[in-house]
Amino acid sequence: MNRLTLLLSLTLFPPAAGAASLTVFAASSLTDAFTEIGRAFDARTGHRTTFQFAGSQVLRTQLAGGARADVFASANDAQFTPLLGSVLGGREVFARNRLTVIAPLGSAKVRSVRDLAGSGVRLVLAAPNVPVGEYTRRLLAAVDQAGTYGKDFSARTLRNVVSEEGNVRQVALKVSLGEADAAVVYASDVTPALKRTVRVVPLPTRFNQTAAYPLGIVRGSANADAARAFAAFVKGREGQAILRRWGFLSP
């Protein structure tokens, strides 16, 4: 960088006073959206944001065990609410999501939800304690209650499960690699990159489940002001536009 370029850079983007190194624990399904949000937030504020992406249940355990972070964004309340008061100072829903079924692009084995219970279908789900795994089992229960696809649909479907994964991105990867005939993921996980290898299987709206994403500031954060600024950015116009661009619904 020459001297003129350096001077222009310092003029247009002066170093932020009190810039903080922020650590955000976030659900795996937020990887793409929060990575973009982090870049935009840092560019505007001068802060340096680092993300730890994993299944919400893993992040909850780490936080309960004393892991240092400033913000926690979970994919459900089951992994968030137990930390309120002790680890987290509050809760605000910043986004919502919906489920979708995916199958390999070149496979015709699963064409509808009914086919998930078919003989020989290799189904991959998230484990029951993973948020998307919990929502998936609610979906199956709703189908059972309606009786649309016959008796014990959920039991027959669950017998086809060949793998239970620890986060939603691992679930999607199995289908992308052709290691499964179908899987249930979030609509936001069907990214442009994933669309090159999978197709979406129609999921009747009456059976779908809405996932609420809560966010909270970690109590005792050494960067509380920056953490609050990050939360405000996520909930603000620019953050919400990025989330929508990655397939999330408004809160």
C-alpha atoms as a PDB file:
ATOM      1  CA  MET A   1       0.000   0.000   0.000  1.00  0.00           C
ATOM      2  CA  ASN A   2       1.520   3.405  -0.984  1.00  0.00           C
ATOM      3  CA  ARG A   3       1.414   6.463   1.259  1.00  0.00           C
ATOM      4  CA  LEU A   4      -1.474   8.138  -0.595  1.00  0.00           C
ATOM      5  CA  THR A   5      -3.621   5.009  -0.408  1.00  0.00           C
ATOM      6  CA  LEU A   6      -2.848   4.660   3.285  1.00  0.00           C
ATOM      7  CA  LEU A   7      -3.816   8.286   3.983  1.00  0.00           C
ATOM      8  CA  LEU A   8      -7.068   7.895   2.046  1.00  0.00           C
ATOM      9  CA  SER A   9      -7.852   4.694   3.956  1.00  0.00           C
ATOM     10  CA  LEU A  10      -7.267   6.368   7.310  1.00  0.00           C
ATOM     11  CA  THR A  11      -9.415   9.325   6.250  1.00  0.00           C
ATOM     12  CA  LEU A  12     -12.350   7.277   5.000  1.00  0.00           C
ATOM     13  CA  PHE A  13     -12.199   4.527   7.646  1.00  0.00           C
ATOM     14  CA  PRO A  14     -10.512   5.960  10.749  1.00  0.00           C
ATOM     15  CA  PRO A  15      -9.666   3.473  13.535  1.00  0.00           C
ATOM     16  CA  ALA A  16     -12.588   3.198  15.946  1.00  0.00           C
ATOM     17  CA  ALA A  17     -12.017   4.460  19.465  1.00  0.00           C
ATOM     18  CA  GLY A  18     -12.341   1.621  21.919  1.00  0.00           C
ATOM     19  CA  ALA A  19     -12.585  -1.059  19.242  1.00  0.00           C
ATOM     20  CA  ALA A  20     -13.409  -4.416  20.819  1.00  0.00           C
ATOM     21  CA  SER A  21     -12.679  -8.036  19.980  1.00  0.00           C
ATOM     22  CA  LEU A  22     -16.144  -9.571  20.091  1.00  0.00           C
ATOM     23  CA  THR A  23     -16.915 -13.293  20.349  1.00  0.00           C
ATOM     24  CA  VAL A  24     -20.309 -14.490  19.121  1.00  0.00           C
ATOM     25  CA  PHE A  25     -21.567 -18.043  19.695  1.00  0.00           C
ATOM     26  CA  ALA A  26     -24.129 -18.819  16.980  1.00  0.00           C
ATOM     27  CA  ALA A  27     -26.154 -21.772  15.703  1.00  0.00           C
ATOM     28  CA  SER A  28     -24.723 -23.579  12.659  1.00  0.00           C
ATOM     29  CA  SER A  29     -27.640 -22.510  10.475  1.00  0.00           C
ATOM     30  CA  LEU A  30     -26.537 -18.885  10.931  1.00  0.00           C
ATOM     31  CA  THR A  31     -23.077 -19.466   9.442  1.00  0.00           C
ATOM     32  CA  ASP A  32     -23.557 -17.687   6.120  1.00  0.00           C
ATOM     33  CA  ALA A  33     -25.818 -14.885   7.330  1.00  0.00           C
ATOM     34  CA  PHE A  34     -23.806 -14.045  10.457  1.00  0.00           C
ATOM     35  CA  THR A  35     -20.489 -14.189   8.603  1.00  0.00           C
ATOM     36  CA  GLU A  36     -21.820 -11.505   6.256  1.00  0.00           C
ATOM     37  CA  ILE A  37     -23.355  -9.564   9.146  1.00  0.00           C
ATOM     38  CA  GLY A  38     -20.043  -9.698  11.002  1.00  0.00           C
ATOM     39  CA  ARG A  39     -18.150  -8.245   8.050  1.00  0.00           C
ATOM     40  CA  ALA A  40     -20.678  -5.417   7.683  1.00  0.00           C
ATOM     41  CA  PHE A  41     -20.776  -4.716  11.426  1.00  0.00           C
ATOM     42  CA  ASP A  42     -16.995  -4.635  11.725  1.00  0.00           C
ATOM     43  CA  ALA A  43     -16.671  -2.343   8.707  1.00  0.00           C
ATOM     44  CA  ARG A  44     -19.077   0.142  10.267  1.00  0.00           C
ATOM     45  CA  THR A  45     -17.826   0.011  13.858  1.00  0.00           C
ATOM     46  CA  GLY A  46     -14.160  -0.960  13.744  1.00  0.00           C
ATOM     47  CA  HIS A  47     -14.818  -3.875  16.084  1.00  0.00           C
ATOM     48  CA  ARG A  48     -13.385  -7.311  15.336  1.00  0.00           C
ATOM     49  CA  THR A  49     -16.020 -10.032  15.509  1.00  0.00           C
ATOM     50  CA  THR A  50     -15.139 -13.718  15.774  1.00  0.00           C
ATOM     51  CA  PHE A  51     -17.772 -16.440  15.463  1.00  0.00           C
ATOM     52  CA  GLN A  52     -18.057 -19.869  16.983  1.00  0.00           C
ATOM     53  CA  PHE A  53     -20.608 -21.817  14.916  1.00  0.00           C
ATOM     54  CA  ALA A  54     -21.932 -25.156  16.199  1.00  0.00           C
ATOM     55  CA  GLY A  55     -25.131 -26.912  17.190  1.00  0.00           C
ATOM     56  CA  SER A  56     -26.991 -24.753  19.723  1.00  0.00           C
ATOM     57  CA  GLN A  57     -26.869 -27.597  22.240  1.00  0.00           C
ATOM     58  CA  VAL A  58     -23.060 -27.684  22.009  1.00  0.00           C
ATOM     59  CA  LEU A  59     -22.783 -23.919  22.478  1.00  0.00           C
ATOM     60  CA  ARG A  60     -25.166 -24.013  25.443  1.00  0.00           C
ATOM     61  CA  THR A  61     -23.023 -26.654  27.147  1.00  0.00           C
ATOM     62  CA  GLN A  62     -19.865 -24.638  26.517  1.00  0.00           C
ATOM     63  CA  LEU A  63     -21.405 -21.455  27.912  1.00  0.00           C
ATOM     64  CA  ALA A  64     -22.779 -23.251  30.962  1.00  0.00           C
ATOM     65  CA  GLY A  65     -19.291 -24.619  31.521  1.00  0.00           C
ATOM     66  CA  GLY A  66     -17.751 -21.161  31.600  1.00  0.00           C
ATOM     67  CA  ALA A  67     -16.719 -20.602  27.976  1.00  0.00           C
ATOM     68  CA  ARG A  68     -16.026 -16.935  27.277  1.00  0.00           C
ATOM     69  CA  ALA A  69     -18.294 -15.219  24.774  1.00  0.00           C
ATOM     70  CA  ASP A  70     -20.140 -11.935  24.412  1.00  0.00           C
ATOM     71  CA  VAL A  71     -23.287 -12.919  22.477  1.00  0.00           C
ATOM     72  CA  PHE A  72     -25.272 -16.143  22.073  1.00  0.00           C
ATOM     73  CA  ALA A  73     -27.644 -16.694  19.141  1.00  0.00           C
ATOM     74  CA  SER A  74     -29.555 -19.980  19.356  1.00  0.00           C
ATOM     75  CA  ALA A  75     -31.852 -21.757  16.919  1.00  0.00           C
ATOM     76  CA  ASN A  76     -34.428 -22.499  19.611  1.00  0.00           C
ATOM     77  CA  ASP A  77     -35.490 -21.650  23.154  1.00  0.00           C
ATOM     78  CA  ALA A  78     -34.802 -25.130  24.539  1.00  0.00           C
ATOM     79  CA  GLN A  79     -31.054 -24.447  24.303  1.00  0.00           C
ATOM     80  CA  PHE A  80     -31.372 -20.776  25.276  1.00  0.00           C
ATOM     81  CA  THR A  81     -33.855 -20.414  28.128  1.00  0.00           C
ATOM     82  CA  PRO A  82     -31.891 -22.542  30.671  1.00  0.00           C
ATOM     83  CA  LEU A  83     -29.067 -19.979  30.465  1.00  0.00           C
ATOM     84  CA  LEU A  84     -31.273 -16.956  31.190  1.00  0.00           C
ATOM     85  CA  GLY A  85     -30.362 -15.236  34.422  1.00  0.00           C
ATOM     86  CA  SER A  86     -27.242 -17.262  35.121  1.00  0.00           C
ATOM     87  CA  VAL A  87     -25.340 -16.789  31.844  1.00  0.00           C
ATOM     88  CA  LEU A  88     -27.512 -14.562  29.652  1.00  0.00           C
ATOM     89  CA  GLY A  89     -28.979 -11.224  30.617  1.00  0.00           C
ATOM     90  CA  GLY A  90     -32.009 -11.211  28.322  1.00  0.00           C
ATOM     91  CA  ARG A  91     -33.741 -12.638  25.275  1.00  0.00           C
ATOM     92  CA  GLU A  92     -34.881 -11.168  21.979  1.00  0.00           C
ATOM     93  CA  VAL A  93     -36.060 -13.060  18.915  1.00  0.00           C
ATOM     94  CA  PHE A  94     -34.206 -11.696  15.879  1.00  0.00           C
ATOM     95  CA  ALA A  95     -35.249 -14.153  13.128  1.00  0.00           C
ATOM     96  CA  ARG A  96     -37.451 -17.105  12.289  1.00  0.00           C
ATOM     97  CA  ASN A  97     -37.030 -20.078   9.979  1.00  0.00           C
ATOM     98  CA  ARG A  98     -38.979 -22.939   8.416  1.00  0.00           C
ATOM     99  CA  LEU A  99     -38.191 -26.551   7.656  1.00  0.00           C
ATOM    100  CA  THR A 100     -37.685 -28.100   4.253  1.00  0.00           C
ATOM    101  CA  VAL A 101     -36.981 -31.578   2.922  1.00  0.00           C
ATOM    102  CA  ILE A 102     -34.044 -32.047   0.552  1.00  0.00           C
ATOM    103  CA  ALA A 103     -32.973 -34.939  -1.677  1.00  0.00           C
ATOM    104  CA  PRO A 104     -30.031 -35.504  -4.051  1.00  0.00           C
ATOM    105  CA  LEU A 105     -30.468 -33.689  -7.338  1.00  0.00           C
ATOM    106  CA  GLY A 106     -30.264 -36.791  -9.511  1.00  0.00           C
ATOM    107  CA  SER A 107     -32.397 -39.086  -7.337  1.00  0.00           C
ATOM    108  CA  ALA A 108     -36.114 -39.761  -7.743  1.00  0.00           C
ATOM    109  CA  LYS A 109     -36.444 -41.919  -4.638  1.00  0.00           C
ATOM    110  CA  VAL A 110     -38.082 -39.212  -2.494  1.00  0.00           C
ATOM    111  CA  ARG A 111     -40.601 -37.023  -4.321  1.00  0.00           C
ATOM    112  CA  SER A 112     -42.948 -36.158  -1.442  1.00  0.00           C
ATOM    113  CA  VAL A 113     -43.109 -36.274   2.356  1.00  0.00           C
ATOM    114  CA  ARG A 114     -44.997 -39.570   2.065  1.00  0.00           C
ATOM    115  CA  ASP A 115     -41.871 -41.160   0.551  1.00  0.00           C
ATOM    116  CA  LEU A 116     -39.840 -40.561   3.731  1.00  0.00           C
ATOM    117  CA  ALA A 117     -41.451 -43.677   5.199  1.00  0.00           C
ATOM    118  CA  GLY A 118     -40.834 -45.752   2.074  1.00  0.00           C
ATOM    119  CA  SER A 119     -38.927 -49.012   2.097  1.00  0.00           C
ATOM    120  CA  GLY A 120     -35.180 -48.657   1.673  1.00  0.00           C
ATOM    121  CA  VAL A 121     -35.061 -44.880   2.028  1.00  0.00           C
ATOM    122  CA  ARG A 122     -31.876 -43.640   3.717  1.00  0.00           C
ATOM    123  CA  LEU A 123     -32.922 -40.693   5.849  1.00  0.00           C
ATOM    124  CA  VAL A 124     -30.589 -38.378   7.767  1.00  0.00           C
ATOM    125  CA  LEU A 125     -31.896 -36.172  10.579  1.00  0.00           C
ATOM    126  CA  ALA A 126     -30.366 -34.040  13.268  1.00  0.00           C
ATOM    127  CA  ALA A 127     -30.289 -35.633  16.726  1.00  0.00           C
ATOM    128  CA  PRO A 128     -33.339 -34.939  18.935  1.00  0.00           C
ATOM    129  CA  ASN A 129     -31.452 -32.435  21.138  1.00  0.00           C
ATOM    130  CA  VAL A 130     -30.380 -30.373  18.110  1.00  0.00           C
ATOM    131  CA  PRO A 131     -32.926 -27.599  17.409  1.00  0.00           C
ATOM    132  CA  VAL A 132     -33.672 -28.705  13.826  1.00  0.00           C
ATOM    133  CA  GLY A 133     -33.955 -32.286  15.103  1.00  0.00           C
ATOM    134  CA  GLU A 134     -36.535 -31.202  17.655  1.00  0.00           C
ATOM    135  CA  TYR A 135     -38.512 -29.256  15.037  1.00  0.00           C
ATOM    136  CA  THR A 136     -38.349 -32.245  12.666  1.00  0.00           C
ATOM    137  CA  ARG A 137     -39.890 -34.550  15.237  1.00  0.00           C
ATOM    138  CA  ARG A 138     -42.646 -31.995  15.830  1.00  0.00           C
ATOM    139  CA  LEU A 139     -43.296 -32.068  12.088  1.00  0.00           C
ATOM    140  CA  LEU A 140     -43.580 -35.872  12.127  1.00  0.00           C
ATOM    141  CA  ALA A 141     -45.950 -35.691  15.094  1.00  0.00           C
ATOM    142  CA  ALA A 142     -48.144 -33.231  13.192  1.00  0.00           C
ATOM    143  CA  VAL A 143     -48.322 -35.635  10.244  1.00  0.00           C
ATOM    144  CA  ASP A 144     -49.256 -38.475  12.591  1.00  0.00           C
ATOM    145  CA  GLN A 145     -52.000 -36.395  14.180  1.00  0.00           C
ATOM    146  CA  ALA A 146     -53.486 -35.577  10.779  1.00  0.00           C
ATOM    147  CA  GLY A 147     -53.301 -39.202   9.642  1.00  0.00           C
ATOM    148  CA  THR A 148     -52.604 -38.033   6.096  1.00  0.00           C
ATOM    149  CA  TYR A 149     -49.990 -40.665   5.263  1.00  0.00           C
ATOM    150  CA  GLY A 150     -51.363 -43.615   7.187  1.00  0.00           C
ATOM    151  CA  LYS A 151     -50.915 -45.094  10.626  1.00  0.00           C
ATOM    152  CA  ASP A 152     -47.600 -44.649  12.497  1.00  0.00           C
ATOM    153  CA  PHE A 153     -46.043 -42.526   9.770  1.00  0.00           C
ATOM    154  CA  SER A 154     -43.458 -41.039  12.129  1.00  0.00           C
ATOM    155  CA  ALA A 155     -42.436 -44.459  13.479  1.00  0.00           C
ATOM    156  CA  ARG A 156     -42.004 -45.819   9.946  1.00  0.00           C
ATOM    157  CA  THR A 157     -40.061 -42.730   8.937  1.00  0.00           C
ATOM    158  CA  LEU A 158     -37.749 -42.859  11.945  1.00  0.00           C
ATOM    159  CA  ARG A 159     -36.930 -46.489  11.161  1.00  0.00           C
ATOM    160  CA  ASN A 160     -35.364 -45.189   7.942  1.00  0.00           C
ATOM    161  CA  VAL A 161     -32.912 -42.943   9.789  1.00  0.00           C
ATOM    162  CA  VAL A 162     -29.345 -44.045   9.026  1.00  0.00           C
ATOM    163  CA  SER A 163     -27.590 -41.185  10.818  1.00  0.00           C
ATOM    164  CA  GLU A 164     -28.373 -38.542  13.435  1.00  0.00           C
ATOM    165  CA  GLU A 165     -26.098 -35.521  13.148  1.00  0.00           C
ATOM    166  CA  GLY A 166     -24.964 -32.896  15.656  1.00  0.00           C
ATOM    167  CA  ASN A 167     -25.896 -29.854  13.592  1.00  0.00           C
ATOM    168  CA  VAL A 168     -27.960 -28.961  10.546  1.00  0.00           C
ATOM    169  CA  ARG A 169     -25.001 -28.308   8.246  1.00  0.00           C
ATOM    170  CA  GLN A 170     -23.775 -31.873   8.770  1.00  0.00           C
ATOM    171  CA  VAL A 171     -27.272 -33.100   7.866  1.00  0.00           C
ATOM    172  CA  ALA A 172     -27.269 -31.126   4.601  1.00  0.00           C
ATOM    173  CA  LEU A 173     -23.755 -32.303   3.778  1.00  0.00           C
ATOM    174  CA  LYS A 174     -24.802 -35.979   3.904  1.00  0.00           C
ATOM    175  CA  VAL A 175     -27.381 -35.389   1.167  1.00  0.00           C
ATOM    176  CA  SER A 176     -25.030 -33.209  -0.842  1.00  0.00           C
ATOM    177  CA  LEU A 177     -22.473 -36.039  -0.864  1.00  0.00           C
ATOM    178  CA  GLY A 178     -25.092 -38.605  -1.894  1.00  0.00           C
ATOM    179  CA  GLU A 179     -24.863 -40.455   1.425  1.00  0.00           C
ATOM    180  CA  ALA A 180     -28.617 -40.122   2.055  1.00  0.00           C
ATOM    181  CA  ASP A 181     -31.814 -40.171   0.022  1.00  0.00           C
ATOM    182  CA  ALA A 182     -33.392 -37.336   1.985  1.00  0.00           C
ATOM    183  CA  ALA A 183     -33.009 -35.071   5.003  1.00  0.00           C
ATOM    184  CA  VAL A 184     -34.850 -32.341   6.867  1.00  0.00           C
ATOM    185  CA  VAL A 185     -33.062 -29.002   7.187  1.00  0.00           C
ATOM    186  CA  TYR A 186     -33.991 -25.341   7.488  1.00  0.00           C
ATOM    187  CA  ALA A 187     -35.095 -23.443   4.412  1.00  0.00           C
ATOM    188  CA  SER A 188     -32.132 -21.114   4.961  1.00  0.00           C
ATOM    189  CA  ASP A 189     -29.715 -24.047   4.583  1.00  0.00           C
ATOM    190  CA  VAL A 190     -30.631 -24.437   0.921  1.00  0.00           C
ATOM    191  CA  THR A 191     -27.931 -21.982  -0.091  1.00  0.00           C
ATOM    192  CA  PRO A 192     -26.881 -21.256  -3.681  1.00  0.00           C
ATOM    193  CA  ALA A 193     -23.958 -23.643  -3.197  1.00  0.00           C
ATOM    194  CA  LEU A 194     -26.191 -26.442  -1.890  1.00  0.00           C
ATOM    195  CA  LYS A 195     -28.671 -26.003  -4.741  1.00  0.00           C
ATOM    196  CA  ARG A 196     -26.028 -27.328  -7.101  1.00  0.00           C
ATOM    197  CA  THR A 197     -26.327 -30.809  -5.563  1.00  0.00           C
ATOM    198  CA  VAL A 198     -29.792 -31.075  -3.968  1.00  0.00           C
ATOM    199  CA  ARG A 199     -33.409 -30.354  -4.767  1.00  0.00           C
ATOM    200  CA  VAL A 200     -36.232 -29.294  -2.459  1.00  0.00           C
ATOM    201  CA  VAL A 201     -39.056 -31.770  -1.831  1.00  0.00           C
ATOM    202  CA  PRO A 202     -42.478 -30.107  -1.343  1.00  0.00           C
ATOM    203  CA  LEU A 203     -43.466 -29.877   2.336  1.00  0.00           C
ATOM    204  CA  PRO A 204     -47.145 -29.130   3.041  1.00  0.00           C
ATOM    205  CA  THR A 205     -47.463 -25.860   4.953  1.00  0.00           C
ATOM    206  CA  ARG A 206     -49.853 -27.377   7.491  1.00  0.00           C
ATOM    207  CA  PHE A 207     -47.131 -29.707   8.759  1.00  0.00           C
ATOM    208  CA  ASN A 208     -44.246 -27.258   8.752  1.00  0.00           C
ATOM    209  CA  GLN A 209     -42.778 -25.837  11.946  1.00  0.00           C
ATOM    210  CA  THR A 210     -41.575 -22.311  12.641  1.00  0.00           C
ATOM    211  CA  ALA A 211     -38.232 -21.960  14.383  1.00  0.00           C
ATOM    212  CA  ALA A 212     -37.671 -18.859  16.527  1.00  0.00           C
ATOM    213  CA  TYR A 213     -34.081 -17.656  16.966  1.00  0.00           C
ATOM    214  CA  PRO A 214     -33.346 -15.888  20.281  1.00  0.00           C
ATOM    215  CA  LEU A 215     -30.290 -13.754  20.948  1.00  0.00           C
ATOM    216  CA  GLY A 216     -28.831 -12.601  24.251  1.00  0.00           C
ATOM    217  CA  ILE A 217     -25.841 -10.782  25.739  1.00  0.00           C
ATOM    218  CA  VAL A 218     -23.621 -12.884  27.986  1.00  0.00           C
ATOM    219  CA  ARG A 219     -23.609 -11.562  31.550  1.00  0.00           C
ATOM    220  CA  GLY A 220     -20.248 -10.187  32.618  1.00  0.00           C
ATOM    221  CA  SER A 221     -19.117  -9.658  29.042  1.00  0.00           C
ATOM    222  CA  ALA A 222     -15.933  -7.608  28.887  1.00  0.00           C
ATOM    223  CA  ASN A 223     -17.314  -6.022  25.708  1.00  0.00           C
ATOM    224  CA  ALA A 224     -20.878  -5.309  26.775  1.00  0.00           C
ATOM    225  CA  ASP A 225     -21.240  -2.096  24.762  1.00  0.00           C
ATOM    226  CA  ALA A 226     -19.939  -3.755  21.583  1.00  0.00           C
ATOM    227  CA  ALA A 227     -22.165  -6.787  22.239  1.00  0.00           C
ATOM    228  CA  ARG A 228     -25.223  -4.559  22.526  1.00  0.00           C
ATOM    229  CA  ALA A 229     -24.182  -2.770  19.330  1.00  0.00           C
ATOM    230  CA  PHE A 230     -23.905  -6.113  17.533  1.00  0.00           C
ATOM    231  CA  ALA A 231     -27.371  -7.171  18.755  1.00  0.00           C
ATOM    232  CA  ALA A 232     -28.811  -3.856  17.585  1.00  0.00           C
ATOM    233  CA  PHE A 233     -27.141  -4.289  14.184  1.00  0.00           C
ATOM    234  CA  VAL A 234     -28.622  -7.788  13.781  1.00  0.00           C
ATOM    235  CA  LYS A 235     -32.092  -6.472  14.584  1.00  0.00           C
ATOM    236  CA  GLY A 236     -31.664  -3.328  12.496  1.00  0.00           C
ATOM    237  CA  ARG A 237     -32.465  -2.711   8.848  1.00  0.00           C
ATOM    238  CA  GLU A 238     -29.124  -3.858   7.427  1.00  0.00           C
ATOM    239  CA  GLY A 239     -28.865  -6.975   9.566  1.00  0.00           C
ATOM    240  CA  GLN A 240     -32.429  -8.008   8.797  1.00  0.00           C
ATOM    241  CA  ALA A 241     -31.873  -7.500   5.072  1.00  0.00           C
ATOM    242  CA  ILE A 242     -28.867  -9.829   5.211  1.00  0.00           C
ATOM    243  CA  LEU A 243     -30.840 -12.448   7.116  1.00  0.00           C
ATOM    244  CA  ARG A 244     -33.667 -12.318   4.582  1.00  0.00           C
ATOM    245  CA  ARG A 245     -31.163 -12.632   1.747  1.00  0.00           C
ATOM    246  CA  TRP A 246     -29.994 -15.923   3.308  1.00  0.00           C
ATOM    247  CA  GLY A 247     -33.532 -17.286   3.587  1.00  0.00           C
ATOM    248  CA  PHE A 248     -34.543 -16.303   7.121  1.00  0.00           C
ATOM    249  CA  LEU A 249     -37.906 -14.810   8.031  1.00  0.00           C
ATOM    250  CA  SER A 250     -38.359 -11.588   9.981  1.00  0.00           C
ATOM    251  CA  PRO A 251     -38.900 -11.939  13.737  1.00  0.00           C
END
